[in-house]
Amino acid sequence: MRGLLQKSFVLAGSVALAAALAVSQTPGKRDAGGIPAPTAELERGRTVFVLSSCHFCHGVDLTGAAMGAANLMYSPLVGRDEKGNLIGPIVRAGLPNLQTAMPQYSDYTDQQIADLAAYIHYLRQQGRYKELTALTNAPPGDAMLGRKYFEGAGNCGKCHTGDLAGVAKKYNPAQLRQRLLRPAPAYTEHASAGAIAHGKLLERYKNEDVLNVLAYLATLN
């Protein structure tokens, strides 16, 4: 039964991928098989994502999870994942007890798992960036809590040691928020360590974390 289910998922995914490749491949534009990505690695990951039919239950952009599937946009497990080390075991073992009976893909190679995980992280960063940049009417954050996050959970002091003095005067509020969330893309082939670190934070931020850190940055002279 599981084998039949898995074959039907793969067949459906193949049809969806064929439809996807027939339309525009502009990076960031949603199509029938997900969101085309800006690198070859991420496009490989999108192929795995679609052929595995992940988009049917988790959504083409990780929003709109259906039929009891996990919301990957906010999953703490995905947030902790590093190159598929947590996503991979679930993909390979499947989740047969769920309503959707997520099939197992035990024959996926390490490279396929890594590519799939990279694409999921890409989708998650895109979605979280869109959400967090839209916090325009939110109340001001708490600077003390922002400092606590900056020095604690965010581990921002590892890279930023006195280089942020007056940063709130250099950029308007919208620009400062954008630079906090994504100073540079984390998914390019030559992404810096700082960009990658910001990308990981982007996936894990709560709305209040961003507002609080912005309030703290405004106090730095």
N, C-alpha and C. Protein backbone atom coordinates (compact mmCIF):
# COMPACT_ATOMS: atom_id res chain seq x y z
N MET A 1 0.83 -1.21 0.00
CA MET A 1 0.00 0.00 0.00
C MET A 1 0.87 1.25 0.00
N ARG A 2 1.90 1.24 0.86
CA ARG A 2 2.79 2.40 0.93
C ARG A 2 3.51 2.61 -0.39
N GLY A 3 3.94 1.48 -1.03
CA GLY A 3 4.62 1.60 -2.31
C GLY A 3 3.72 2.21 -3.36
N LEU A 4 2.44 1.79 -3.35
CA LEU A 4 1.49 2.34 -4.31
C LEU A 4 1.28 3.82 -4.06
N LEU A 5 1.15 4.20 -2.79
CA LEU A 5 0.98 5.60 -2.43
C LEU A 5 2.17 6.42 -2.87
N GLN A 6 3.37 5.90 -2.63
CA GLN A 6 4.57 6.64 -3.00
C GLN A 6 4.64 6.83 -4.51
N LYS A 7 4.29 5.78 -5.30
CA LYS A 7 4.33 5.88 -6.74
C LYS A 7 3.35 6.92 -7.24
N SER A 8 2.18 6.98 -6.60
CA SER A 8 1.18 7.95 -7.03
C SER A 8 1.65 9.35 -6.72
N PHE A 9 2.33 9.53 -5.57
CA PHE A 9 2.87 10.84 -5.21
C PHE A 9 3.91 11.26 -6.24
N VAL A 10 4.80 10.35 -6.61
CA VAL A 10 5.87 10.67 -7.55
C VAL A 10 5.31 10.99 -8.92
N LEU A 11 4.29 10.20 -9.37
CA LEU A 11 3.67 10.45 -10.67
C LEU A 11 3.02 11.82 -10.69
N ALA A 12 2.30 12.15 -9.63
CA ALA A 12 1.66 13.45 -9.57
C ALA A 12 2.69 14.56 -9.57
N GLY A 13 3.80 14.32 -8.84
CA GLY A 13 4.86 15.31 -8.81
C GLY A 13 5.49 15.51 -10.17
N SER A 14 5.64 14.42 -10.95
CA SER A 14 6.23 14.52 -12.28
C SER A 14 5.37 15.39 -13.18
N VAL A 15 4.05 15.19 -13.10
CA VAL A 15 3.14 16.01 -13.90
C VAL A 15 3.25 17.47 -13.51
N ALA A 16 3.31 17.71 -12.19
CA ALA A 16 3.40 19.09 -11.71
C ALA A 16 4.70 19.74 -12.15
N LEU A 17 5.81 18.98 -12.11
CA LEU A 17 7.09 19.54 -12.51
C LEU A 17 7.08 19.88 -13.99
N ALA A 18 6.50 19.02 -14.82
CA ALA A 18 6.43 19.29 -16.25
C ALA A 18 5.66 20.57 -16.51
N ALA A 19 4.58 20.76 -15.76
CA ALA A 19 3.80 21.99 -15.91
C ALA A 19 4.60 23.19 -15.46
N ALA A 20 5.37 23.00 -14.40
CA ALA A 20 6.16 24.11 -13.85
C ALA A 20 7.20 24.57 -14.85
N LEU A 21 7.87 23.62 -15.50
CA LEU A 21 8.95 23.96 -16.41
C LEU A 21 8.45 24.57 -17.71
N ALA A 22 7.14 24.51 -17.92
CA ALA A 22 6.57 25.08 -19.13
C ALA A 22 6.26 26.56 -19.00
N VAL A 23 6.40 27.10 -17.76
CA VAL A 23 6.10 28.50 -17.53
C VAL A 23 7.37 29.23 -17.16
N SER A 24 7.22 30.50 -16.84
CA SER A 24 8.38 31.36 -16.57
C SER A 24 9.25 30.81 -15.46
N GLN A 25 10.58 30.94 -15.63
CA GLN A 25 11.53 30.48 -14.63
C GLN A 25 12.16 31.66 -13.89
N THR A 26 11.48 32.80 -13.87
CA THR A 26 11.99 33.97 -13.18
C THR A 26 12.15 33.68 -11.71
N PRO A 27 13.36 33.86 -11.11
CA PRO A 27 13.56 33.58 -9.68
C PRO A 27 12.55 34.32 -8.83
N GLY A 28 11.95 33.60 -7.88
CA GLY A 28 11.03 34.21 -6.94
C GLY A 28 9.59 34.23 -7.41
N LYS A 29 9.29 33.90 -8.66
CA LYS A 29 7.93 33.90 -9.16
C LYS A 29 7.32 32.52 -9.00
N ARG A 30 6.19 32.45 -8.30
CA ARG A 30 5.56 31.16 -8.04
C ARG A 30 5.03 30.55 -9.33
N ASP A 31 5.16 29.25 -9.48
CA ASP A 31 4.54 28.56 -10.60
C ASP A 31 3.94 27.25 -10.10
N ALA A 32 3.50 26.39 -11.01
CA ALA A 32 2.76 25.20 -10.61
C ALA A 32 3.60 24.21 -9.81
N GLY A 33 4.92 24.34 -9.85
CA GLY A 33 5.74 23.39 -9.15
C GLY A 33 6.62 24.00 -8.08
N GLY A 34 6.26 25.17 -7.60
CA GLY A 34 7.06 25.80 -6.57
C GLY A 34 7.60 27.13 -7.04
N ILE A 35 8.61 27.62 -6.36
CA ILE A 35 9.21 28.91 -6.71
C ILE A 35 10.57 28.65 -7.32
N PRO A 36 10.77 28.99 -8.59
CA PRO A 36 12.08 28.82 -9.20
C PRO A 36 13.14 29.54 -8.40
N ALA A 37 14.32 28.96 -8.32
CA ALA A 37 15.37 29.46 -7.44
C ALA A 37 16.56 29.99 -8.24
N PRO A 38 17.42 30.80 -7.61
CA PRO A 38 18.49 31.49 -8.33
C PRO A 38 19.78 30.70 -8.54
N THR A 39 19.87 29.50 -8.01
CA THR A 39 21.11 28.73 -8.18
C THR A 39 20.80 27.33 -8.65
N ALA A 40 21.81 26.68 -9.24
CA ALA A 40 21.63 25.31 -9.73
C ALA A 40 21.33 24.35 -8.58
N GLU A 41 21.99 24.53 -7.44
CA GLU A 41 21.75 23.67 -6.28
C GLU A 41 20.30 23.76 -5.83
N LEU A 42 19.79 24.99 -5.76
CA LEU A 42 18.42 25.16 -5.30
C LEU A 42 17.41 24.65 -6.32
N GLU A 43 17.73 24.75 -7.59
CA GLU A 43 16.84 24.18 -8.60
C GLU A 43 16.84 22.66 -8.51
N ARG A 44 17.99 22.06 -8.17
CA ARG A 44 18.01 20.61 -7.94
C ARG A 44 17.11 20.27 -6.75
N GLY A 45 17.19 21.10 -5.73
CA GLY A 45 16.34 20.90 -4.57
C GLY A 45 14.87 21.04 -4.89
N ARG A 46 14.55 21.99 -5.78
CA ARG A 46 13.15 22.16 -6.18
C ARG A 46 12.66 20.92 -6.93
N THR A 47 13.50 20.32 -7.74
CA THR A 47 13.12 19.10 -8.45
C THR A 47 12.76 18.00 -7.47
N VAL A 48 13.60 17.82 -6.43
CA VAL A 48 13.30 16.81 -5.40
C VAL A 48 12.01 17.17 -4.68
N PHE A 49 11.84 18.43 -4.34
CA PHE A 49 10.67 18.92 -3.62
C PHE A 49 9.39 18.59 -4.38
N VAL A 50 9.42 18.82 -5.70
CA VAL A 50 8.23 18.61 -6.52
C VAL A 50 8.00 17.13 -6.82
N LEU A 51 9.06 16.41 -7.19
CA LEU A 51 8.91 14.99 -7.50
C LEU A 51 8.51 14.18 -6.27
N SER A 52 8.83 14.69 -5.10
CA SER A 52 8.40 14.04 -3.86
C SER A 52 7.00 14.47 -3.45
N SER A 53 6.41 15.40 -4.22
CA SER A 53 5.06 15.92 -3.97
C SER A 53 4.96 16.69 -2.66
N CYS A 54 6.09 17.24 -2.21
CA CYS A 54 6.07 18.02 -0.96
C CYS A 54 5.11 19.20 -1.07
N HIS A 55 5.03 19.78 -2.27
CA HIS A 55 4.22 20.99 -2.45
C HIS A 55 2.74 20.73 -2.30
N PHE A 56 2.29 19.49 -2.50
CA PHE A 56 0.87 19.20 -2.37
C PHE A 56 0.40 19.38 -0.93
N CYS A 57 1.22 18.99 0.03
CA CYS A 57 0.81 19.04 1.44
C CYS A 57 1.40 20.23 2.19
N HIS A 58 2.61 20.65 1.81
CA HIS A 58 3.26 21.74 2.53
C HIS A 58 3.12 23.08 1.83
N GLY A 59 2.61 23.09 0.61
CA GLY A 59 2.44 24.33 -0.13
C GLY A 59 3.64 24.63 -1.02
N VAL A 60 3.40 25.25 -2.16
CA VAL A 60 4.49 25.52 -3.09
C VAL A 60 5.51 26.49 -2.50
N ASP A 61 5.08 27.30 -1.53
CA ASP A 61 6.00 28.24 -0.89
C ASP A 61 6.05 28.04 0.62
N LEU A 62 5.67 26.84 1.05
CA LEU A 62 5.62 26.44 2.47
C LEU A 62 4.46 27.06 3.22
N THR A 63 3.61 27.82 2.55
CA THR A 63 2.40 28.34 3.20
C THR A 63 1.22 27.50 2.74
N GLY A 64 0.18 27.51 3.52
CA GLY A 64 -1.01 26.75 3.16
C GLY A 64 -0.86 25.26 3.36
N ALA A 65 -0.15 24.85 4.42
CA ALA A 65 -0.03 23.43 4.70
C ALA A 65 -1.42 22.81 4.83
N ALA A 66 -1.60 21.63 4.21
CA ALA A 66 -2.93 21.03 4.17
C ALA A 66 -2.91 19.59 4.67
N MET A 67 -4.08 19.10 5.02
CA MET A 67 -4.30 17.69 5.38
C MET A 67 -3.41 17.22 6.52
N GLY A 68 -3.21 18.08 7.49
CA GLY A 68 -2.44 17.70 8.67
C GLY A 68 -0.94 17.76 8.52
N ALA A 69 -0.45 18.25 7.36
CA ALA A 69 1.00 18.33 7.16
C ALA A 69 1.61 19.40 8.04
N ALA A 70 2.87 19.22 8.40
CA ALA A 70 3.57 20.19 9.23
C ALA A 70 3.73 21.52 8.49
N ASN A 71 3.63 22.62 9.23
CA ASN A 71 3.86 23.94 8.67
C ASN A 71 5.36 24.19 8.68
N LEU A 72 6.01 23.96 7.55
CA LEU A 72 7.47 24.05 7.49
C LEU A 72 7.98 25.48 7.62
N MET A 73 7.10 26.47 7.42
CA MET A 73 7.54 27.85 7.54
C MET A 73 7.90 28.18 8.99
N TYR A 74 7.25 27.52 9.94
CA TYR A 74 7.47 27.84 11.35
C TYR A 74 7.97 26.64 12.16
N SER A 75 8.27 25.55 11.51
CA SER A 75 8.71 24.35 12.22
C SER A 75 10.03 24.60 12.94
N PRO A 76 10.08 24.41 14.27
CA PRO A 76 11.34 24.55 15.00
C PRO A 76 12.40 23.56 14.52
N LEU A 77 11.96 22.37 14.12
CA LEU A 77 12.91 21.37 13.64
C LEU A 77 13.61 21.87 12.38
N VAL A 78 12.86 22.44 11.44
CA VAL A 78 13.47 22.97 10.23
C VAL A 78 14.41 24.11 10.58
N GLY A 79 14.03 24.91 11.56
CA GLY A 79 14.88 26.02 11.98
C GLY A 79 16.22 25.56 12.53
N ARG A 80 16.25 24.38 13.12
CA ARG A 80 17.49 23.84 13.69
C ARG A 80 18.28 23.01 12.69
N ASP A 81 17.68 22.69 11.58
CA ASP A 81 18.31 21.81 10.59
C ASP A 81 19.57 22.44 10.01
N GLU A 82 20.58 21.61 9.79
CA GLU A 82 21.82 22.02 9.15
C GLU A 82 22.10 21.07 7.99
N LYS A 83 21.88 21.55 6.78
CA LYS A 83 22.18 20.80 5.55
C LYS A 83 21.49 19.44 5.51
N GLY A 84 20.28 19.39 6.08
CA GLY A 84 19.49 18.17 5.99
C GLY A 84 19.69 17.18 7.12
N ASN A 85 20.46 17.55 8.16
CA ASN A 85 20.73 16.58 9.21
C ASN A 85 19.47 16.20 10.01
N LEU A 86 18.47 17.09 10.05
CA LEU A 86 17.22 16.79 10.74
C LEU A 86 16.08 16.51 9.76
N ILE A 87 16.10 17.19 8.63
CA ILE A 87 15.08 16.96 7.61
C ILE A 87 15.26 15.58 6.98
N GLY A 88 16.51 15.20 6.71
CA GLY A 88 16.80 13.96 6.02
C GLY A 88 16.20 12.72 6.66
N PRO A 89 16.41 12.49 7.97
CA PRO A 89 15.86 11.28 8.58
C PRO A 89 14.35 11.17 8.45
N ILE A 90 13.64 12.29 8.52
CA ILE A 90 12.18 12.26 8.39
C ILE A 90 11.79 11.92 6.96
N VAL A 91 12.48 12.52 6.00
CA VAL A 91 12.18 12.24 4.59
C VAL A 91 12.43 10.77 4.27
N ARG A 92 13.51 10.25 4.79
CA ARG A 92 13.85 8.86 4.48
C ARG A 92 12.94 7.86 5.19
N ALA A 93 12.52 8.18 6.41
CA ALA A 93 11.69 7.25 7.18
C ALA A 93 10.21 7.41 6.88
N GLY A 94 9.80 8.62 6.47
CA GLY A 94 8.38 8.88 6.26
C GLY A 94 7.64 9.02 7.58
N LEU A 95 6.39 9.39 7.48
CA LEU A 95 5.52 9.52 8.65
C LEU A 95 4.21 8.80 8.36
N PRO A 96 4.22 7.47 8.48
CA PRO A 96 3.06 6.68 8.05
C PRO A 96 1.82 6.86 8.90
N ASN A 97 1.94 7.39 10.10
CA ASN A 97 0.77 7.49 10.97
C ASN A 97 -0.02 8.78 10.79
N LEU A 98 0.50 9.71 9.98
CA LEU A 98 -0.24 10.93 9.73
C LEU A 98 -1.42 10.68 8.82
N GLN A 99 -2.38 11.62 8.84
CA GLN A 99 -3.54 11.51 7.96
C GLN A 99 -3.10 11.43 6.50
N THR A 100 -2.05 12.17 6.17
CA THR A 100 -1.57 12.18 4.80
C THR A 100 -0.62 11.03 4.50
N ALA A 101 -0.24 10.27 5.51
CA ALA A 101 0.65 9.12 5.32
C ALA A 101 1.85 9.50 4.47
N MET A 102 2.65 10.44 4.97
CA MET A 102 3.83 10.89 4.23
C MET A 102 4.70 9.69 3.89
N PRO A 103 4.94 9.46 2.60
CA PRO A 103 5.71 8.27 2.20
C PRO A 103 7.17 8.39 2.58
N GLN A 104 7.86 7.29 2.58
CA GLN A 104 9.29 7.29 2.87
C GLN A 104 10.06 7.30 1.56
N TYR A 105 11.19 7.99 1.59
CA TYR A 105 12.09 8.05 0.43
C TYR A 105 13.46 7.57 0.90
N SER A 106 13.49 6.30 1.25
CA SER A 106 14.69 5.73 1.86
C SER A 106 15.86 5.63 0.90
N ASP A 107 15.59 5.72 -0.41
CA ASP A 107 16.66 5.58 -1.39
C ASP A 107 17.25 6.93 -1.81
N TYR A 108 16.82 8.02 -1.20
CA TYR A 108 17.38 9.32 -1.56
C TYR A 108 18.83 9.40 -1.12
N THR A 109 19.67 9.93 -1.99
CA THR A 109 21.09 10.07 -1.68
C THR A 109 21.32 11.24 -0.73
N ASP A 110 22.51 11.28 -0.16
CA ASP A 110 22.85 12.41 0.70
C ASP A 110 22.77 13.73 -0.07
N GLN A 111 23.16 13.70 -1.35
CA GLN A 111 23.11 14.92 -2.15
C GLN A 111 21.67 15.37 -2.39
N GLN A 112 20.78 14.44 -2.64
CA GLN A 112 19.37 14.80 -2.82
C GLN A 112 18.78 15.39 -1.54
N ILE A 113 19.14 14.81 -0.42
CA ILE A 113 18.65 15.33 0.86
C ILE A 113 19.19 16.74 1.09
N ALA A 114 20.49 16.94 0.83
CA ALA A 114 21.09 18.26 1.03
C ALA A 114 20.45 19.29 0.12
N ASP A 115 20.20 18.92 -1.14
CA ASP A 115 19.57 19.84 -2.08
C ASP A 115 18.15 20.17 -1.66
N LEU A 116 17.41 19.16 -1.23
CA LEU A 116 16.03 19.37 -0.78
C LEU A 116 16.00 20.30 0.43
N ALA A 117 16.87 20.04 1.40
CA ALA A 117 16.92 20.87 2.59
C ALA A 117 17.28 22.31 2.25
N ALA A 118 18.23 22.49 1.34
CA ALA A 118 18.63 23.85 0.94
C ALA A 118 17.45 24.59 0.32
N TYR A 119 16.65 23.90 -0.49
CA TYR A 119 15.51 24.55 -1.12
C TYR A 119 14.44 24.90 -0.09
N ILE A 120 14.20 24.02 0.87
CA ILE A 120 13.24 24.31 1.93
C ILE A 120 13.69 25.53 2.73
N HIS A 121 14.98 25.61 3.04
CA HIS A 121 15.48 26.77 3.77
C HIS A 121 15.35 28.04 2.93
N TYR A 122 15.58 27.92 1.62
CA TYR A 122 15.42 29.07 0.73
C TYR A 122 13.97 29.58 0.77
N LEU A 123 13.00 28.66 0.63
CA LEU A 123 11.60 29.04 0.68
C LEU A 123 11.25 29.67 2.02
N ARG A 124 11.79 29.11 3.06
CA ARG A 124 11.48 29.61 4.40
C ARG A 124 12.04 31.02 4.59
N GLN A 125 13.25 31.26 4.13
CA GLN A 125 13.84 32.59 4.25
C GLN A 125 13.07 33.61 3.41
N GLN A 126 12.64 33.21 2.23
CA GLN A 126 11.85 34.11 1.39
C GLN A 126 10.55 34.49 2.09
N GLY A 127 9.88 33.50 2.64
CA GLY A 127 8.60 33.75 3.29
C GLY A 127 8.73 34.57 4.56
N ARG A 128 9.73 34.25 5.36
CA ARG A 128 9.90 34.98 6.62
C ARG A 128 10.34 36.42 6.36
N TYR A 129 11.15 36.63 5.33
CA TYR A 129 11.56 37.99 4.98
C TYR A 129 10.35 38.83 4.58
N LYS A 130 9.48 38.26 3.77
CA LYS A 130 8.28 38.97 3.35
C LYS A 130 7.40 39.32 4.54
N GLU A 131 7.26 38.37 5.45
CA GLU A 131 6.41 38.59 6.62
C GLU A 131 7.00 39.65 7.55
N LEU A 132 8.29 39.54 7.82
CA LEU A 132 8.91 40.43 8.81
C LEU A 132 9.12 41.84 8.29
N THR A 133 9.26 42.01 6.99
CA THR A 133 9.38 43.37 6.46
C THR A 133 8.03 44.06 6.41
N ALA A 134 6.95 43.33 6.63
CA ALA A 134 5.61 43.91 6.60
C ALA A 134 5.13 44.36 7.97
N LEU A 135 6.00 44.33 8.97
CA LEU A 135 5.60 44.73 10.32
C LEU A 135 5.62 46.26 10.47
N THR A 136 4.96 46.95 9.57
CA THR A 136 5.06 48.41 9.55
C THR A 136 4.20 49.09 10.61
N ASN A 137 3.11 48.49 11.01
CA ASN A 137 2.21 49.12 11.98
C ASN A 137 2.32 48.50 13.37
N ALA A 138 3.38 47.75 13.59
CA ALA A 138 3.58 47.09 14.88
C ALA A 138 4.04 48.10 15.93
N PRO A 139 3.74 47.87 17.19
CA PRO A 139 4.20 48.78 18.25
C PRO A 139 5.71 48.71 18.39
N PRO A 140 6.33 49.75 18.96
CA PRO A 140 7.79 49.75 19.13
C PRO A 140 8.25 48.58 19.99
N GLY A 141 9.46 48.13 19.73
CA GLY A 141 10.01 47.04 20.50
C GLY A 141 10.60 47.51 21.82
N ASP A 142 11.08 46.58 22.61
CA ASP A 142 11.69 46.84 23.90
C ASP A 142 13.21 46.75 23.75
N ALA A 143 13.89 47.88 23.94
CA ALA A 143 15.34 47.92 23.72
C ALA A 143 16.10 46.99 24.66
N MET A 144 15.63 46.86 25.89
CA MET A 144 16.32 45.98 26.85
C MET A 144 16.21 44.52 26.41
N LEU A 145 15.03 44.15 25.96
CA LEU A 145 14.86 42.78 25.47
C LEU A 145 15.65 42.58 24.18
N GLY A 146 15.74 43.64 23.38
CA GLY A 146 16.53 43.56 22.16
C GLY A 146 18.00 43.33 22.45
N ARG A 147 18.51 44.02 23.47
CA ARG A 147 19.91 43.81 23.86
C ARG A 147 20.12 42.39 24.37
N LYS A 148 19.15 41.89 25.13
CA LYS A 148 19.25 40.53 25.65
C LYS A 148 19.31 39.52 24.51
N TYR A 149 18.48 39.73 23.49
CA TYR A 149 18.50 38.82 22.34
C TYR A 149 19.80 38.97 21.57
N PHE A 150 20.25 40.20 21.38
CA PHE A 150 21.48 40.49 20.64
C PHE A 150 22.67 39.79 21.28
N GLU A 151 22.75 39.84 22.58
CA GLU A 151 23.89 39.27 23.31
C GLU A 151 23.70 37.79 23.63
N GLY A 152 22.44 37.33 23.56
CA GLY A 152 22.14 35.95 23.94
C GLY A 152 21.79 35.07 22.77
N ALA A 153 20.49 34.85 22.57
CA ALA A 153 20.03 33.90 21.55
C ALA A 153 20.51 34.24 20.15
N GLY A 154 20.58 35.53 19.84
CA GLY A 154 21.01 35.93 18.50
C GLY A 154 22.51 35.77 18.27
N ASN A 155 23.29 35.79 19.36
CA ASN A 155 24.75 35.66 19.28
C ASN A 155 25.35 36.67 18.31
N CYS A 156 24.73 37.86 18.26
CA CYS A 156 25.15 38.88 17.29
C CYS A 156 26.54 39.42 17.60
N GLY A 157 26.91 39.44 18.87
CA GLY A 157 28.20 39.97 19.26
C GLY A 157 29.37 39.16 18.73
N LYS A 158 29.11 37.95 18.25
CA LYS A 158 30.17 37.12 17.68
C LYS A 158 30.79 37.80 16.47
N CYS A 159 29.97 38.51 15.71
CA CYS A 159 30.46 39.19 14.50
C CYS A 159 30.50 40.70 14.66
N HIS A 160 29.57 41.24 15.43
CA HIS A 160 29.46 42.69 15.56
C HIS A 160 30.08 43.13 16.89
N THR A 161 31.22 43.77 16.80
CA THR A 161 31.93 44.24 18.00
C THR A 161 32.21 45.73 17.85
N GLY A 162 31.21 46.53 18.15
CA GLY A 162 31.38 47.98 18.10
C GLY A 162 31.18 48.60 16.75
N ASP A 163 30.84 47.82 15.73
CA ASP A 163 30.69 48.37 14.38
C ASP A 163 29.29 48.89 14.11
N LEU A 164 28.39 48.82 15.08
CA LEU A 164 27.01 49.23 14.87
C LEU A 164 26.68 50.58 15.50
N ALA A 165 27.68 51.27 16.02
CA ALA A 165 27.44 52.57 16.63
C ALA A 165 26.83 53.53 15.61
N GLY A 166 25.71 54.13 15.98
CA GLY A 166 25.05 55.08 15.10
C GLY A 166 24.38 54.48 13.90
N VAL A 167 24.20 53.17 13.88
CA VAL A 167 23.65 52.52 12.69
C VAL A 167 22.23 52.99 12.39
N ALA A 168 21.45 53.32 13.43
CA ALA A 168 20.07 53.76 13.22
C ALA A 168 20.01 55.14 12.58
N LYS A 169 21.13 55.88 12.59
CA LYS A 169 21.17 57.19 11.95
C LYS A 169 21.61 57.08 10.49
N LYS A 170 22.23 55.97 10.14
CA LYS A 170 22.72 55.78 8.78
C LYS A 170 21.61 55.33 7.83
N TYR A 171 20.60 54.68 8.38
CA TYR A 171 19.53 54.12 7.55
C TYR A 171 18.17 54.54 8.10
N ASN A 172 17.21 54.68 7.19
CA ASN A 172 15.85 54.94 7.66
C ASN A 172 15.29 53.64 8.23
N PRO A 173 14.16 53.68 8.95
CA PRO A 173 13.66 52.47 9.62
C PRO A 173 13.47 51.28 8.69
N ALA A 174 12.95 51.52 7.49
CA ALA A 174 12.73 50.40 6.56
C ALA A 174 14.05 49.80 6.11
N GLN A 175 15.02 50.63 5.82
CA GLN A 175 16.33 50.14 5.40
C GLN A 175 17.02 49.38 6.52
N LEU A 176 16.91 49.88 7.74
CA LEU A 176 17.55 49.22 8.88
C LEU A 176 16.94 47.84 9.10
N ARG A 177 15.62 47.76 8.98
CA ARG A 177 14.96 46.47 9.13
C ARG A 177 15.44 45.49 8.07
N GLN A 178 15.54 45.96 6.83
CA GLN A 178 15.99 45.10 5.75
C GLN A 178 17.42 44.62 5.96
N ARG A 179 18.27 45.49 6.44
CA ARG A 179 19.67 45.11 6.67
C ARG A 179 19.79 44.16 7.85
N LEU A 180 18.94 44.31 8.82
CA LEU A 180 18.93 43.38 9.95
C LEU A 180 18.50 41.99 9.47
N LEU A 181 17.46 41.95 8.67
CA LEU A 181 16.91 40.66 8.25
C LEU A 181 17.77 39.98 7.20
N ARG A 182 18.21 40.74 6.20
CA ARG A 182 18.95 40.12 5.11
C ARG A 182 19.94 41.12 4.50
N PRO A 183 21.09 41.31 5.15
CA PRO A 183 22.08 42.25 4.62
C PRO A 183 22.61 41.82 3.26
N ALA A 184 22.56 40.52 2.98
CA ALA A 184 22.96 39.97 1.69
C ALA A 184 22.32 38.59 1.57
N PRO A 185 22.03 38.14 0.35
CA PRO A 185 21.42 36.81 0.20
C PRO A 185 22.30 35.71 0.80
N ALA A 186 21.66 34.79 1.49
CA ALA A 186 22.39 33.69 2.14
C ALA A 186 22.44 32.45 1.28
N TYR A 187 21.82 32.47 0.11
CA TYR A 187 21.67 31.26 -0.67
C TYR A 187 22.50 31.27 -1.95
N THR A 188 23.33 32.28 -2.15
CA THR A 188 24.18 32.30 -3.34
C THR A 188 25.41 31.43 -3.12
N GLU A 189 26.07 31.09 -4.20
CA GLU A 189 27.22 30.18 -4.14
C GLU A 189 28.35 30.76 -3.30
N HIS A 190 28.53 32.08 -3.34
CA HIS A 190 29.64 32.72 -2.63
C HIS A 190 29.14 33.55 -1.45
N ALA A 191 28.05 33.13 -0.83
CA ALA A 191 27.52 33.86 0.32
C ALA A 191 28.55 33.89 1.45
N SER A 192 28.66 35.04 2.09
CA SER A 192 29.61 35.17 3.19
C SER A 192 29.09 34.48 4.44
N ALA A 193 29.98 34.28 5.38
CA ALA A 193 29.59 33.65 6.65
C ALA A 193 28.55 34.51 7.36
N GLY A 194 28.72 35.84 7.26
CA GLY A 194 27.76 36.75 7.89
C GLY A 194 26.39 36.65 7.27
N ALA A 195 26.34 36.56 5.95
CA ALA A 195 25.05 36.44 5.26
C ALA A 195 24.37 35.13 5.64
N ILE A 196 25.13 34.06 5.75
CA ILE A 196 24.56 32.76 6.12
C ILE A 196 24.03 32.80 7.56
N ALA A 197 24.79 33.46 8.44
CA ALA A 197 24.33 33.58 9.83
C ALA A 197 23.03 34.37 9.92
N HIS A 198 22.94 35.47 9.15
CA HIS A 198 21.70 36.25 9.13
C HIS A 198 20.55 35.44 8.54
N GLY A 199 20.86 34.59 7.54
CA GLY A 199 19.82 33.75 6.96
C GLY A 199 19.25 32.78 7.97
N LYS A 200 20.10 32.21 8.80
CA LYS A 200 19.63 31.29 9.84
C LYS A 200 18.77 32.02 10.86
N LEU A 201 19.21 33.23 11.24
CA LEU A 201 18.41 34.01 12.18
C LEU A 201 17.07 34.37 11.58
N LEU A 202 17.07 34.71 10.29
CA LEU A 202 15.83 35.08 9.61
C LEU A 202 14.79 33.98 9.73
N GLU A 203 15.22 32.73 9.65
CA GLU A 203 14.29 31.61 9.77
C GLU A 203 13.76 31.45 11.19
N ARG A 204 14.51 31.92 12.17
CA ARG A 204 14.16 31.62 13.56
C ARG A 204 13.54 32.81 14.30
N TYR A 205 13.63 34.01 13.73
CA TYR A 205 13.09 35.19 14.41
C TYR A 205 11.60 35.03 14.72
N LYS A 206 11.24 35.48 15.91
CA LYS A 206 9.85 35.78 16.20
C LYS A 206 9.63 37.25 15.86
N ASN A 207 8.41 37.65 15.61
CA ASN A 207 8.15 39.04 15.25
C ASN A 207 8.70 40.00 16.29
N GLU A 208 8.49 39.66 17.57
CA GLU A 208 8.94 40.55 18.63
C GLU A 208 10.46 40.63 18.73
N ASP A 209 11.16 39.57 18.32
CA ASP A 209 12.62 39.61 18.33
C ASP A 209 13.12 40.73 17.42
N VAL A 210 12.54 40.82 16.23
CA VAL A 210 12.96 41.83 15.26
C VAL A 210 12.68 43.23 15.80
N LEU A 211 11.49 43.44 16.32
CA LEU A 211 11.12 44.75 16.84
C LEU A 211 12.01 45.15 18.02
N ASN A 212 12.32 44.18 18.87
CA ASN A 212 13.16 44.48 20.04
C ASN A 212 14.60 44.80 19.64
N VAL A 213 15.15 44.05 18.70
CA VAL A 213 16.52 44.31 18.25
C VAL A 213 16.60 45.66 17.56
N LEU A 214 15.60 46.00 16.76
CA LEU A 214 15.58 47.31 16.12
C LEU A 214 15.55 48.43 17.16
N ALA A 215 14.79 48.23 18.22
CA ALA A 215 14.73 49.24 19.30
C ALA A 215 16.10 49.35 19.97
N TYR A 216 16.78 48.23 20.15
CA TYR A 216 18.10 48.26 20.76
C TYR A 216 19.11 48.95 19.86
N LEU A 217 19.08 48.68 18.57
CA LEU A 217 20.00 49.30 17.64
C LEU A 217 19.84 50.83 17.64
N ALA A 218 18.63 51.29 17.89
CA ALA A 218 18.37 52.73 17.91
C ALA A 218 19.03 53.41 19.10
N THR A 219 19.44 52.62 20.10
CA THR A 219 20.09 53.21 21.28
C THR A 219 21.61 53.28 21.15
N LEU A 220 22.16 52.68 20.10
CA LEU A 220 23.61 52.61 19.96
C LEU A 220 24.15 53.92 19.35
N ASN A 221 25.01 54.60 20.08
CA ASN A 221 25.57 55.88 19.63
C ASN A 221 27.06 55.75 19.34
